[in-house]
Amino acid sequence: MLYKYLPRRFAAPFVANGEILFRTLSYFRRVEHAARGDEVEGVHVDDPKRDVRLDVVGGPHVIGRYRYLNSVDQTKVYAFCCSDRLSVELFDMFDADACVVIKDPVQFFLRCQTAARRAFPVDRLRLIHRPVAYWKTSHEAPLSVKDPDSLPFLKHEAFAPQCEYRGVFARRGGRELVQRIVQPQFTFREEIESASVHERLFRIGDISAIAELVDRSSAK
């Protein structure tokens, strides 16, 4: 089972009408909320914490403190985020007074995929859903950082208590791998501020057969 924490005013139509909101990863990079905001959403950062050697094509090698970034286009990758854990702590973390329990995730995301394909018929969308894997900056990643389908499911270990599970689809061009080498003083501020943010509300119909609304008292 999966758990979506949200205000009660959104929880009721979520179950009764299947009103499911997908947002681009660029939204989560920009939003100012401790639990939702993540400037490296859709980005894996490899920071060796030591000098590394870069061999420049046609030139001398360079040695310094560099970071390796692998990412996808956060403006074209959409995500729906929930958790595989029911707890009071997560009610508090997400400022929620209600929670929707998704009892059949496979059927739920199948219906989301059908809605996404209707909304974006030219993009040949494939919706992937799986648990998020958490990485440490100077450790080997738990998923391949060269796989564009894996990058949206990698998050920094600081978010591990959320036990996140998400559904993701990419519009055309969103699954292309972007690789960069940056210096330690590099920041994401400019690209986050300039990136476009998109969201799409799908209505997949009454899902009361596969989901139910619970409140805080149901959590341990």
N, C-alpha and C. Protein backbone atom coordinates (compact mmCIF):
# COMPACT_ATOMS: atom_id res chain seq x y z
N MET A 1 0.84 -1.20 0.00
CA MET A 1 0.00 0.00 0.00
C MET A 1 0.88 1.25 0.00
N LEU A 2 0.32 2.33 -0.57
CA LEU A 2 1.01 3.60 -0.61
C LEU A 2 0.16 4.65 0.08
N TYR A 3 0.83 5.75 0.48
CA TYR A 3 0.16 6.77 1.28
C TYR A 3 0.48 8.16 0.72
N LYS A 4 -0.57 8.90 0.41
CA LYS A 4 -0.42 10.26 -0.08
C LYS A 4 -0.92 11.23 0.99
N TYR A 5 -0.01 12.03 1.53
CA TYR A 5 -0.35 13.00 2.58
C TYR A 5 -0.71 14.33 1.94
N LEU A 6 -1.85 14.88 2.34
CA LEU A 6 -2.31 16.12 1.72
C LEU A 6 -3.43 16.75 2.56
N PRO A 7 -3.75 18.02 2.30
CA PRO A 7 -4.86 18.66 3.02
C PRO A 7 -6.18 17.97 2.68
N ARG A 8 -7.09 17.92 3.64
CA ARG A 8 -8.36 17.22 3.45
C ARG A 8 -9.16 17.77 2.27
N ARG A 9 -9.05 19.06 1.98
CA ARG A 9 -9.83 19.63 0.88
C ARG A 9 -9.42 19.04 -0.48
N PHE A 10 -8.20 18.51 -0.55
CA PHE A 10 -7.76 17.86 -1.79
C PHE A 10 -7.94 16.34 -1.71
N ALA A 11 -8.00 15.80 -0.51
CA ALA A 11 -8.08 14.36 -0.34
C ALA A 11 -9.41 13.80 -0.81
N ALA A 12 -10.50 14.50 -0.50
CA ALA A 12 -11.83 14.00 -0.89
C ALA A 12 -11.98 13.88 -2.41
N PRO A 13 -11.67 14.94 -3.19
CA PRO A 13 -11.77 14.79 -4.66
C PRO A 13 -10.74 13.83 -5.23
N PHE A 14 -9.64 13.64 -4.51
CA PHE A 14 -8.65 12.64 -4.93
C PHE A 14 -9.31 11.27 -5.03
N VAL A 15 -10.08 10.91 -4.02
CA VAL A 15 -10.72 9.59 -3.99
C VAL A 15 -11.99 9.57 -4.84
N ALA A 16 -12.83 10.59 -4.70
CA ALA A 16 -14.13 10.57 -5.36
C ALA A 16 -14.03 10.75 -6.88
N ASN A 17 -13.10 11.60 -7.33
CA ASN A 17 -12.99 11.91 -8.75
C ASN A 17 -11.67 11.46 -9.38
N GLY A 18 -10.76 10.98 -8.56
CA GLY A 18 -9.45 10.61 -9.08
C GLY A 18 -8.67 11.82 -9.57
N GLU A 19 -8.73 12.92 -8.82
CA GLU A 19 -8.01 14.13 -9.21
C GLU A 19 -6.56 14.02 -8.72
N ILE A 20 -5.67 13.71 -9.65
CA ILE A 20 -4.28 13.40 -9.35
C ILE A 20 -3.38 14.45 -9.99
N LEU A 21 -2.58 15.11 -9.17
CA LEU A 21 -1.73 16.20 -9.66
C LEU A 21 -0.29 15.72 -9.85
N PHE A 22 0.18 15.81 -11.09
CA PHE A 22 1.58 15.55 -11.42
C PHE A 22 2.27 16.89 -11.65
N ARG A 23 3.47 17.04 -11.09
CA ARG A 23 4.26 18.27 -11.27
C ARG A 23 5.63 17.93 -11.83
N THR A 24 6.20 18.87 -12.57
CA THR A 24 7.55 18.65 -13.10
C THR A 24 8.57 18.72 -11.97
N LEU A 25 9.69 18.04 -12.16
CA LEU A 25 10.75 18.05 -11.15
C LEU A 25 11.25 19.47 -10.89
N SER A 26 11.12 20.34 -11.88
CA SER A 26 11.55 21.74 -11.69
C SER A 26 10.74 22.43 -10.60
N TYR A 27 9.49 22.01 -10.40
CA TYR A 27 8.69 22.57 -9.30
C TYR A 27 9.32 22.24 -7.96
N PHE A 28 9.71 21.00 -7.77
CA PHE A 28 10.26 20.58 -6.49
C PHE A 28 11.64 21.22 -6.23
N ARG A 29 12.33 21.59 -7.29
CA ARG A 29 13.61 22.28 -7.12
C ARG A 29 13.40 23.71 -6.61
N ARG A 30 12.26 24.28 -6.95
CA ARG A 30 12.02 25.70 -6.64
C ARG A 30 11.19 25.91 -5.38
N VAL A 31 10.31 24.97 -5.04
CA VAL A 31 9.38 25.19 -3.94
C VAL A 31 10.13 25.34 -2.61
N GLU A 32 9.72 26.29 -1.81
CA GLU A 32 10.36 26.54 -0.52
C GLU A 32 9.58 25.81 0.58
N HIS A 33 9.87 24.54 0.72
CA HIS A 33 9.23 23.72 1.74
C HIS A 33 10.24 22.66 2.13
N ALA A 34 10.49 22.51 3.42
CA ALA A 34 11.56 21.63 3.88
C ALA A 34 11.40 20.20 3.39
N ALA A 35 10.16 19.69 3.35
CA ALA A 35 9.95 18.30 2.97
C ALA A 35 9.83 18.12 1.47
N ARG A 36 9.35 19.14 0.76
CA ARG A 36 9.10 19.01 -0.68
C ARG A 36 10.22 19.58 -1.53
N GLY A 37 10.87 20.62 -1.08
CA GLY A 37 11.88 21.30 -1.88
C GLY A 37 13.20 20.54 -1.91
N ASP A 38 13.78 20.41 -3.09
CA ASP A 38 15.05 19.70 -3.25
C ASP A 38 15.75 20.25 -4.49
N GLU A 39 16.81 21.03 -4.30
CA GLU A 39 17.46 21.68 -5.42
C GLU A 39 18.15 20.70 -6.37
N VAL A 40 18.41 19.49 -5.92
CA VAL A 40 19.02 18.49 -6.81
C VAL A 40 18.02 17.44 -7.26
N GLU A 41 16.76 17.78 -7.28
CA GLU A 41 15.73 16.87 -7.80
C GLU A 41 16.04 16.59 -9.27
N GLY A 42 16.14 15.31 -9.63
CA GLY A 42 16.47 14.95 -11.00
C GLY A 42 17.95 15.05 -11.33
N VAL A 43 18.78 15.27 -10.29
CA VAL A 43 20.22 15.42 -10.48
C VAL A 43 20.94 14.50 -9.49
N HIS A 44 21.96 13.80 -9.96
CA HIS A 44 22.83 13.07 -9.04
C HIS A 44 24.17 13.80 -8.98
N VAL A 45 24.65 14.04 -7.77
CA VAL A 45 25.91 14.76 -7.56
C VAL A 45 26.95 13.79 -7.01
N ASP A 46 28.04 13.64 -7.74
CA ASP A 46 29.17 12.84 -7.26
C ASP A 46 30.27 13.81 -6.85
N ASP A 47 30.49 13.91 -5.55
CA ASP A 47 31.49 14.84 -5.00
C ASP A 47 32.54 14.02 -4.25
N PRO A 48 33.66 13.69 -4.90
CA PRO A 48 34.65 12.79 -4.29
C PRO A 48 35.32 13.32 -3.02
N LYS A 49 35.23 14.62 -2.74
CA LYS A 49 35.86 15.21 -1.55
C LYS A 49 37.39 15.07 -1.60
N ARG A 50 37.92 15.05 -2.81
CA ARG A 50 39.38 14.97 -2.99
C ARG A 50 39.69 15.48 -4.39
N ASP A 51 40.97 15.74 -4.66
CA ASP A 51 41.37 16.16 -5.99
C ASP A 51 41.17 15.03 -6.99
N VAL A 52 40.66 15.38 -8.17
CA VAL A 52 40.48 14.39 -9.24
C VAL A 52 41.20 14.88 -10.49
N ARG A 53 41.55 13.97 -11.35
CA ARG A 53 42.27 14.30 -12.58
C ARG A 53 41.30 14.28 -13.75
N LEU A 54 41.29 15.36 -14.53
CA LEU A 54 40.49 15.45 -15.74
C LEU A 54 41.42 15.47 -16.94
N ASP A 55 41.25 14.56 -17.86
CA ASP A 55 42.06 14.52 -19.07
C ASP A 55 41.34 15.31 -20.16
N VAL A 56 41.92 16.44 -20.56
CA VAL A 56 41.31 17.32 -21.54
C VAL A 56 41.71 16.88 -22.93
N VAL A 57 40.74 16.67 -23.82
CA VAL A 57 41.02 16.25 -25.18
C VAL A 57 41.84 17.32 -25.90
N GLY A 58 42.99 16.92 -26.40
CA GLY A 58 43.85 17.85 -27.13
C GLY A 58 44.63 18.81 -26.25
N GLY A 59 44.62 18.57 -24.94
CA GLY A 59 45.32 19.48 -24.05
C GLY A 59 45.86 18.73 -22.84
N PRO A 60 46.44 19.45 -21.89
CA PRO A 60 47.00 18.81 -20.70
C PRO A 60 45.91 18.38 -19.74
N HIS A 61 46.24 17.49 -18.83
CA HIS A 61 45.26 17.09 -17.82
C HIS A 61 45.18 18.18 -16.75
N VAL A 62 44.06 18.17 -16.04
CA VAL A 62 43.80 19.17 -15.00
C VAL A 62 43.49 18.42 -13.71
N ILE A 63 44.04 18.89 -12.61
CA ILE A 63 43.78 18.28 -11.31
C ILE A 63 43.12 19.30 -10.40
N GLY A 64 42.04 18.92 -9.74
CA GLY A 64 41.34 19.83 -8.84
C GLY A 64 40.16 19.17 -8.17
N ARG A 65 39.43 19.95 -7.39
CA ARG A 65 38.24 19.46 -6.69
C ARG A 65 37.03 19.70 -7.59
N TYR A 66 36.63 18.70 -8.29
CA TYR A 66 35.51 18.82 -9.21
C TYR A 66 34.36 17.91 -8.77
N ARG A 67 33.17 18.27 -9.21
CA ARG A 67 31.98 17.44 -8.97
C ARG A 67 31.41 17.00 -10.31
N TYR A 68 30.85 15.79 -10.32
CA TYR A 68 30.25 15.23 -11.53
C TYR A 68 28.74 15.24 -11.37
N LEU A 69 28.04 15.83 -12.34
CA LEU A 69 26.59 15.92 -12.29
C LEU A 69 25.98 15.12 -13.44
N ASN A 70 25.03 14.28 -13.12
CA ASN A 70 24.24 13.58 -14.12
C ASN A 70 22.78 13.95 -13.89
N SER A 71 22.08 14.35 -14.94
CA SER A 71 20.72 14.84 -14.74
C SER A 71 19.86 14.60 -15.97
N VAL A 72 18.56 14.85 -15.78
CA VAL A 72 17.59 14.86 -16.87
C VAL A 72 16.99 16.26 -16.93
N ASP A 73 16.18 16.51 -17.95
CA ASP A 73 15.53 17.81 -18.09
C ASP A 73 14.35 17.89 -17.10
N GLN A 74 14.55 18.62 -16.01
CA GLN A 74 13.53 18.65 -14.95
C GLN A 74 12.25 19.35 -15.37
N THR A 75 12.28 20.11 -16.46
CA THR A 75 11.07 20.79 -16.93
C THR A 75 10.17 19.88 -17.74
N LYS A 76 10.66 18.69 -18.10
CA LYS A 76 9.89 17.77 -18.93
C LYS A 76 9.57 16.45 -18.24
N VAL A 77 10.04 16.29 -17.02
CA VAL A 77 9.79 15.06 -16.27
C VAL A 77 8.77 15.35 -15.17
N TYR A 78 7.67 14.62 -15.18
CA TYR A 78 6.57 14.83 -14.23
C TYR A 78 6.56 13.71 -13.19
N ALA A 79 6.22 14.09 -11.95
CA ALA A 79 6.21 13.09 -10.87
C ALA A 79 4.98 13.26 -9.98
N PHE A 80 4.51 12.14 -9.50
CA PHE A 80 3.52 12.09 -8.43
C PHE A 80 4.19 11.37 -7.26
N CYS A 81 4.23 12.03 -6.11
CA CYS A 81 5.01 11.53 -4.98
C CYS A 81 4.11 11.09 -3.83
N CYS A 82 4.44 9.96 -3.26
CA CYS A 82 3.75 9.48 -2.07
C CYS A 82 4.75 8.72 -1.22
N SER A 83 4.29 7.92 -0.28
CA SER A 83 5.18 7.20 0.62
C SER A 83 4.68 5.77 0.80
N ASP A 84 5.60 4.88 1.16
CA ASP A 84 5.16 3.52 1.49
C ASP A 84 5.06 3.33 3.00
N ARG A 85 4.96 4.46 3.73
CA ARG A 85 4.91 4.42 5.20
C ARG A 85 3.78 5.29 5.71
N LEU A 86 3.03 4.78 6.66
CA LEU A 86 1.98 5.55 7.34
C LEU A 86 2.48 5.90 8.74
N SER A 87 2.64 7.20 9.00
CA SER A 87 3.16 7.61 10.31
C SER A 87 2.72 9.01 10.65
N VAL A 88 2.65 9.30 11.94
CA VAL A 88 2.33 10.64 12.42
C VAL A 88 3.38 11.62 11.96
N GLU A 89 4.64 11.20 11.96
CA GLU A 89 5.73 12.08 11.57
C GLU A 89 5.56 12.62 10.14
N LEU A 90 5.05 11.78 9.25
CA LEU A 90 4.87 12.23 7.89
C LEU A 90 3.66 13.15 7.74
N PHE A 91 2.63 12.96 8.56
CA PHE A 91 1.54 13.95 8.59
C PHE A 91 2.12 15.32 8.91
N ASP A 92 2.98 15.38 9.93
CA ASP A 92 3.57 16.65 10.35
C ASP A 92 4.52 17.19 9.29
N MET A 93 5.34 16.31 8.72
CA MET A 93 6.34 16.73 7.75
C MET A 93 5.72 17.42 6.55
N PHE A 94 4.56 16.93 6.13
CA PHE A 94 3.91 17.47 4.93
C PHE A 94 2.74 18.40 5.26
N ASP A 95 2.62 18.81 6.53
CA ASP A 95 1.56 19.73 6.95
C ASP A 95 0.19 19.22 6.50
N ALA A 96 -0.04 17.93 6.68
CA ALA A 96 -1.25 17.29 6.19
C ALA A 96 -2.21 16.96 7.32
N ASP A 97 -3.51 17.08 7.04
CA ASP A 97 -4.52 16.64 8.01
C ASP A 97 -5.30 15.45 7.49
N ALA A 98 -4.87 14.90 6.34
CA ALA A 98 -5.50 13.72 5.77
C ALA A 98 -4.48 12.91 4.99
N CYS A 99 -4.84 11.68 4.71
CA CYS A 99 -3.97 10.80 3.94
C CYS A 99 -4.85 9.88 3.11
N VAL A 100 -4.47 9.69 1.85
CA VAL A 100 -5.17 8.74 1.00
C VAL A 100 -4.33 7.47 0.93
N VAL A 101 -4.93 6.35 1.29
CA VAL A 101 -4.27 5.06 1.21
C VAL A 101 -4.57 4.46 -0.16
N ILE A 102 -3.54 4.24 -0.95
CA ILE A 102 -3.69 3.63 -2.27
C ILE A 102 -3.47 2.13 -2.10
N LYS A 103 -4.55 1.37 -2.15
CA LYS A 103 -4.48 -0.06 -1.83
C LYS A 103 -4.02 -0.92 -2.99
N ASP A 104 -4.13 -0.40 -4.19
CA ASP A 104 -3.71 -1.15 -5.39
C ASP A 104 -2.85 -0.23 -6.26
N PRO A 105 -1.57 -0.07 -5.94
CA PRO A 105 -0.70 0.85 -6.70
C PRO A 105 -0.60 0.52 -8.18
N VAL A 106 -0.59 -0.76 -8.52
CA VAL A 106 -0.45 -1.14 -9.93
C VAL A 106 -1.63 -0.61 -10.74
N GLN A 107 -2.84 -0.82 -10.26
CA GLN A 107 -4.02 -0.33 -10.95
C GLN A 107 -4.07 1.19 -10.95
N PHE A 108 -3.68 1.79 -9.84
CA PHE A 108 -3.68 3.25 -9.73
C PHE A 108 -2.78 3.88 -10.78
N PHE A 109 -1.55 3.41 -10.88
CA PHE A 109 -0.62 4.02 -11.83
C PHE A 109 -0.93 3.65 -13.27
N LEU A 110 -1.58 2.52 -13.48
CA LEU A 110 -2.03 2.18 -14.82
C LEU A 110 -3.06 3.19 -15.30
N ARG A 111 -3.96 3.58 -14.42
CA ARG A 111 -4.97 4.57 -14.79
C ARG A 111 -4.34 5.95 -14.97
N CYS A 112 -3.32 6.26 -14.19
CA CYS A 112 -2.59 7.52 -14.37
C CYS A 112 -1.89 7.55 -15.73
N GLN A 113 -1.29 6.43 -16.10
CA GLN A 113 -0.61 6.37 -17.40
C GLN A 113 -1.59 6.56 -18.55
N THR A 114 -2.76 5.96 -18.46
CA THR A 114 -3.77 6.13 -19.50
C THR A 114 -4.17 7.60 -19.63
N ALA A 115 -4.34 8.27 -18.48
CA ALA A 115 -4.71 9.69 -18.49
C ALA A 115 -3.59 10.54 -19.09
N ALA A 116 -2.33 10.22 -18.77
CA ALA A 116 -1.20 10.98 -19.28
C ALA A 116 -1.08 10.83 -20.79
N ARG A 117 -1.30 9.64 -21.29
CA ARG A 117 -1.21 9.42 -22.73
C ARG A 117 -2.31 10.15 -23.49
N ARG A 118 -3.47 10.27 -22.86
CA ARG A 118 -4.55 11.05 -23.48
C ARG A 118 -4.21 12.54 -23.49
N ALA A 119 -3.56 12.99 -22.42
CA ALA A 119 -3.23 14.42 -22.31
C ALA A 119 -2.09 14.82 -23.23
N PHE A 120 -1.14 13.90 -23.44
CA PHE A 120 0.04 14.20 -24.26
C PHE A 120 0.19 13.11 -25.34
N PRO A 121 -0.71 13.05 -26.29
CA PRO A 121 -0.73 11.94 -27.25
C PRO A 121 0.49 11.85 -28.15
N VAL A 122 1.19 12.94 -28.37
CA VAL A 122 2.32 12.90 -29.32
C VAL A 122 3.63 12.47 -28.65
N ASP A 123 3.63 12.31 -27.33
CA ASP A 123 4.87 12.06 -26.63
C ASP A 123 5.17 10.58 -26.34
N ARG A 124 4.26 9.68 -26.62
CA ARG A 124 4.46 8.24 -26.41
C ARG A 124 4.97 7.96 -24.99
N LEU A 125 4.22 8.40 -24.03
CA LEU A 125 4.65 8.36 -22.64
C LEU A 125 4.69 6.95 -22.08
N ARG A 126 5.66 6.76 -21.21
CA ARG A 126 5.75 5.52 -20.43
C ARG A 126 5.88 5.92 -18.97
N LEU A 127 4.90 5.54 -18.16
CA LEU A 127 4.94 5.89 -16.74
C LEU A 127 5.62 4.76 -15.97
N ILE A 128 6.63 5.14 -15.18
CA ILE A 128 7.36 4.19 -14.35
C ILE A 128 7.04 4.51 -12.89
N HIS A 129 6.78 3.50 -12.09
CA HIS A 129 6.57 3.73 -10.66
C HIS A 129 7.42 2.75 -9.87
N ARG A 130 8.05 3.26 -8.82
CA ARG A 130 8.95 2.44 -8.01
C ARG A 130 9.36 3.22 -6.77
N PRO A 131 9.98 2.57 -5.79
CA PRO A 131 10.47 3.30 -4.61
C PRO A 131 11.65 4.20 -4.99
N VAL A 132 11.80 5.27 -4.26
CA VAL A 132 12.97 6.14 -4.41
C VAL A 132 14.16 5.50 -3.70
N ALA A 133 15.35 5.64 -4.29
CA ALA A 133 16.59 5.18 -3.67
C ALA A 133 17.39 6.41 -3.24
N TYR A 134 18.04 6.33 -2.11
CA TYR A 134 18.71 7.49 -1.53
C TYR A 134 20.23 7.35 -1.62
N TRP A 135 20.87 8.46 -2.05
CA TRP A 135 22.31 8.45 -2.27
C TRP A 135 23.05 9.39 -1.32
N LYS A 136 24.32 9.07 -1.10
CA LYS A 136 25.23 9.94 -0.35
C LYS A 136 26.21 10.58 -1.33
N THR A 137 26.58 11.81 -1.05
CA THR A 137 27.37 12.59 -2.00
C THR A 137 28.66 11.91 -2.43
N SER A 138 29.38 11.32 -1.51
CA SER A 138 30.69 10.76 -1.83
C SER A 138 30.69 9.23 -1.85
N HIS A 139 29.49 8.62 -2.06
CA HIS A 139 29.39 7.17 -2.10
C HIS A 139 28.81 6.71 -3.45
N GLU A 140 29.02 5.47 -3.76
CA GLU A 140 28.46 4.92 -5.00
C GLU A 140 26.94 4.97 -4.94
N ALA A 141 26.33 5.39 -6.05
CA ALA A 141 24.87 5.52 -6.10
C ALA A 141 24.20 4.17 -6.10
N PRO A 142 23.01 4.04 -5.48
CA PRO A 142 22.29 2.76 -5.45
C PRO A 142 21.64 2.40 -6.78
N LEU A 143 21.51 3.35 -7.70
CA LEU A 143 21.00 3.11 -9.04
C LEU A 143 21.97 3.70 -10.05
N SER A 144 21.86 3.29 -11.30
CA SER A 144 22.76 3.80 -12.32
C SER A 144 22.51 5.29 -12.58
N VAL A 145 23.56 6.09 -12.45
CA VAL A 145 23.43 7.54 -12.67
C VAL A 145 23.51 7.87 -14.16
N LYS A 146 23.78 6.87 -15.00
CA LYS A 146 23.82 7.08 -16.45
C LYS A 146 22.51 6.65 -17.11
N ASP A 147 21.56 6.20 -16.31
CA ASP A 147 20.27 5.76 -16.82
C ASP A 147 19.24 6.86 -16.58
N PRO A 148 18.76 7.53 -17.62
CA PRO A 148 17.78 8.61 -17.43
C PRO A 148 16.49 8.17 -16.74
N ASP A 149 16.15 6.87 -16.87
CA ASP A 149 14.94 6.39 -16.20
C ASP A 149 15.15 6.23 -14.70
N SER A 150 16.40 6.11 -14.27
CA SER A 150 16.69 5.93 -12.84
C SER A 150 16.87 7.26 -12.12
N LEU A 151 17.36 8.27 -12.81
CA LEU A 151 17.70 9.54 -12.15
C LEU A 151 16.52 10.18 -11.40
N PRO A 152 15.29 10.15 -11.91
CA PRO A 152 14.18 10.74 -11.14
C PRO A 152 13.87 9.98 -9.85
N PHE A 153 14.43 8.79 -9.70
CA PHE A 153 14.18 7.98 -8.50
C PHE A 153 15.37 7.97 -7.55
N LEU A 154 16.29 8.91 -7.76
CA LEU A 154 17.43 9.07 -6.86
C LEU A 154 17.27 10.38 -6.10
N LYS A 155 17.33 10.31 -4.77
CA LYS A 155 17.26 11.51 -3.95
C LYS A 155 18.33 11.44 -2.87
N HIS A 156 18.72 12.61 -2.40
CA HIS A 156 19.75 12.70 -1.37
C HIS A 156 19.27 12.04 -0.08
N GLU A 157 20.20 11.47 0.65
CA GLU A 157 19.87 10.72 1.87
C GLU A 157 19.14 11.56 2.92
N ALA A 158 19.22 12.88 2.83
CA ALA A 158 18.52 13.75 3.79
C ALA A 158 17.01 13.53 3.74
N PHE A 159 16.51 13.02 2.61
CA PHE A 159 15.07 12.80 2.44
C PHE A 159 14.65 11.36 2.73
N ALA A 160 15.57 10.53 3.17
CA ALA A 160 15.28 9.12 3.39
C ALA A 160 14.11 8.85 4.35
N PRO A 161 13.91 9.66 5.41
CA PRO A 161 12.78 9.39 6.31
C PRO A 161 11.40 9.43 5.64
N GLN A 162 11.33 10.01 4.44
CA GLN A 162 10.04 10.08 3.75
C GLN A 162 9.63 8.74 3.14
N CYS A 163 10.57 7.80 3.00
CA CYS A 163 10.27 6.49 2.41
C CYS A 163 9.43 6.67 1.14
N GLU A 164 9.94 7.47 0.23
CA GLU A 164 9.13 7.90 -0.91
C GLU A 164 8.98 6.81 -1.98
N TYR A 165 7.81 6.82 -2.58
CA TYR A 165 7.47 6.00 -3.74
C TYR A 165 6.86 6.97 -4.73
N ARG A 166 7.26 6.90 -5.98
CA ARG A 166 6.73 7.87 -6.94
C ARG A 166 6.44 7.25 -8.30
N GLY A 167 5.55 7.92 -9.02
CA GLY A 167 5.27 7.61 -10.41
C GLY A 167 5.83 8.72 -11.26
N VAL A 168 6.48 8.39 -12.36
CA VAL A 168 7.18 9.38 -13.19
C VAL A 168 6.94 9.10 -14.67
N PHE A 169 6.70 10.16 -15.43
CA PHE A 169 6.73 10.05 -16.89
C PHE A 169 7.44 11.27 -17.45
N ALA A 170 7.98 11.13 -18.64
CA ALA A 170 8.74 12.22 -19.26
C ALA A 170 8.14 12.57 -20.60
N ARG A 171 8.03 13.85 -20.86
CA ARG A 171 7.64 14.31 -22.19
C ARG A 171 8.85 14.23 -23.12
N ARG A 172 8.62 14.43 -24.38
CA ARG A 172 9.67 14.27 -25.39
C ARG A 172 10.92 15.09 -25.04
N GLY A 173 12.07 14.43 -24.99
CA GLY A 173 13.32 15.10 -24.65
C GLY A 173 13.67 15.01 -23.18
N GLY A 174 12.72 14.61 -22.35
CA GLY A 174 12.97 14.58 -20.91
C GLY A 174 13.85 13.44 -20.46
N ARG A 175 13.99 12.41 -21.28
CA ARG A 175 14.78 11.23 -20.90
C ARG A 175 16.21 11.29 -21.41
N GLU A 176 16.64 12.44 -21.90
CA GLU A 176 18.02 12.56 -22.40
C GLU A 176 18.96 12.85 -21.23
N LEU A 177 20.06 12.12 -21.17
CA LEU A 177 21.05 12.28 -20.10
C LEU A 177 21.91 13.51 -20.34
N VAL A 178 22.05 14.32 -19.30
CA VAL A 178 22.93 15.50 -19.34
C VAL A 178 24.05 15.28 -18.33
N GLN A 179 25.31 15.37 -18.81
CA GLN A 179 26.47 15.16 -17.95
C GLN A 179 27.29 16.44 -17.87
N ARG A 180 27.67 16.80 -16.65
CA ARG A 180 28.47 18.01 -16.45
C ARG A 180 29.56 17.77 -15.42
N ILE A 181 30.64 18.52 -15.56
CA ILE A 181 31.69 18.56 -14.55
C ILE A 181 31.79 20.01 -14.07
N VAL A 182 31.65 20.23 -12.78
CA VAL A 182 31.61 21.59 -12.25
C VAL A 182 32.62 21.74 -11.10
N GLN A 183 32.96 22.99 -10.83
CA GLN A 183 33.86 23.29 -9.73
C GLN A 183 33.09 23.37 -8.41
N PRO A 184 33.78 23.30 -7.28
CA PRO A 184 33.10 23.29 -5.97
C PRO A 184 32.21 24.49 -5.73
N GLN A 185 32.56 25.65 -6.28
CA GLN A 185 31.76 26.86 -6.03
C GLN A 185 30.50 26.94 -6.88
N PHE A 186 30.30 26.00 -7.77
CA PHE A 186 29.11 25.99 -8.62
C PHE A 186 27.84 25.89 -7.77
N THR A 187 26.80 26.64 -8.15
CA THR A 187 25.49 26.53 -7.49
C THR A 187 24.41 26.34 -8.57
N PHE A 188 23.27 25.85 -8.14
CA PHE A 188 22.15 25.62 -9.04
C PHE A 188 21.20 26.80 -9.12
N ARG A 189 21.49 27.88 -8.42
CA ARG A 189 20.52 28.97 -8.24
C ARG A 189 20.00 29.51 -9.57
N GLU A 190 20.88 29.83 -10.49
CA GLU A 190 20.46 30.45 -11.74
C GLU A 190 19.58 29.52 -12.58
N GLU A 191 19.97 28.25 -12.70
CA GLU A 191 19.18 27.35 -13.52
C GLU A 191 17.83 27.03 -12.89
N ILE A 192 17.76 27.01 -11.55
CA ILE A 192 16.49 26.78 -10.88
C ILE A 192 15.55 27.95 -11.10
N GLU A 193 16.06 29.16 -10.98
CA GLU A 193 15.23 30.35 -11.13
C GLU A 193 14.72 30.53 -12.56
N SER A 194 15.51 30.11 -13.55
CA SER A 194 15.14 30.33 -14.95
C SER A 194 14.31 29.18 -15.54
N ALA A 195 14.26 28.04 -14.86
CA ALA A 195 13.56 26.88 -15.40
C ALA A 195 12.04 27.06 -15.34
N SER A 196 11.35 26.60 -16.36
CA SER A 196 9.89 26.64 -16.35
C SER A 196 9.34 25.54 -15.45
N VAL A 197 8.17 25.80 -14.89
CA VAL A 197 7.51 24.85 -13.99
C VAL A 197 6.14 24.50 -14.57
N HIS A 198 5.82 23.21 -14.61
CA HIS A 198 4.55 22.77 -15.19
C HIS A 198 3.87 21.78 -14.25
N GLU A 199 2.56 21.73 -14.34
CA GLU A 199 1.80 20.73 -13.60
C GLU A 199 0.61 20.29 -14.44
N ARG A 200 0.11 19.10 -14.15
CA ARG A 200 -1.05 18.60 -14.89
C ARG A 200 -1.96 17.84 -13.94
N LEU A 201 -3.21 18.25 -13.89
CA LEU A 201 -4.20 17.58 -13.06
C LEU A 201 -4.95 16.57 -13.91
N PHE A 202 -4.81 15.29 -13.56
CA PHE A 202 -5.55 14.24 -14.25
C PHE A 202 -6.79 13.88 -13.44
N ARG A 203 -7.85 13.55 -14.14
CA ARG A 203 -9.07 13.04 -13.50
C ARG A 203 -9.28 11.63 -14.02
N ILE A 204 -8.97 10.66 -13.17
CA ILE A 204 -9.00 9.26 -13.60
C ILE A 204 -10.27 8.55 -13.12
N GLY A 205 -11.21 9.31 -12.56
CA GLY A 205 -12.48 8.74 -12.13
C GLY A 205 -12.43 8.22 -10.69
N ASP A 206 -13.58 7.86 -10.21
CA ASP A 206 -13.74 7.36 -8.84
C ASP A 206 -12.76 6.22 -8.56
N ILE A 207 -11.93 6.38 -7.54
CA ILE A 207 -10.97 5.33 -7.20
C ILE A 207 -11.25 4.76 -5.80
N SER A 208 -12.48 4.91 -5.33
CA SER A 208 -12.80 4.44 -3.99
C SER A 208 -12.66 2.92 -3.85
N ALA A 209 -12.65 2.19 -4.96
CA ALA A 209 -12.47 0.75 -4.89
C ALA A 209 -11.01 0.37 -4.62
N ILE A 210 -10.08 1.29 -4.91
CA ILE A 210 -8.66 0.98 -4.71
C ILE A 210 -7.97 1.97 -3.79
N ALA A 211 -8.73 2.90 -3.21
CA ALA A 211 -8.13 3.90 -2.33
C ALA A 211 -9.16 4.33 -1.29
N GLU A 212 -8.65 4.77 -0.14
CA GLU A 212 -9.54 5.26 0.90
C GLU A 212 -8.88 6.40 1.68
N LEU A 213 -9.72 7.24 2.23
CA LEU A 213 -9.27 8.39 3.00
C LEU A 213 -9.15 8.02 4.48
N VAL A 214 -8.00 8.34 5.09
CA VAL A 214 -7.82 8.13 6.52
C VAL A 214 -7.31 9.42 7.15
N ASP A 215 -7.43 9.51 8.46
CA ASP A 215 -6.92 10.69 9.15
C ASP A 215 -5.74 10.32 10.04
N ARG A 216 -5.28 11.31 10.78
CA ARG A 216 -4.08 11.17 11.59
C ARG A 216 -4.19 10.05 12.63
N SER A 217 -5.40 9.80 13.13
CA SER A 217 -5.58 8.80 14.18
C SER A 217 -5.28 7.39 13.69
N SER A 218 -5.24 7.19 12.37
CA SER A 218 -4.94 5.88 11.82
C SER A 218 -3.46 5.56 11.86
N ALA A 219 -2.63 6.60 12.03
CA ALA A 219 -1.19 6.41 12.01
C ALA A 219 -0.66 6.09 13.41
N LYS A 220 0.47 5.39 13.45
CA LYS A 220 1.10 5.05 14.72
C LYS A 220 2.12 6.12 15.10
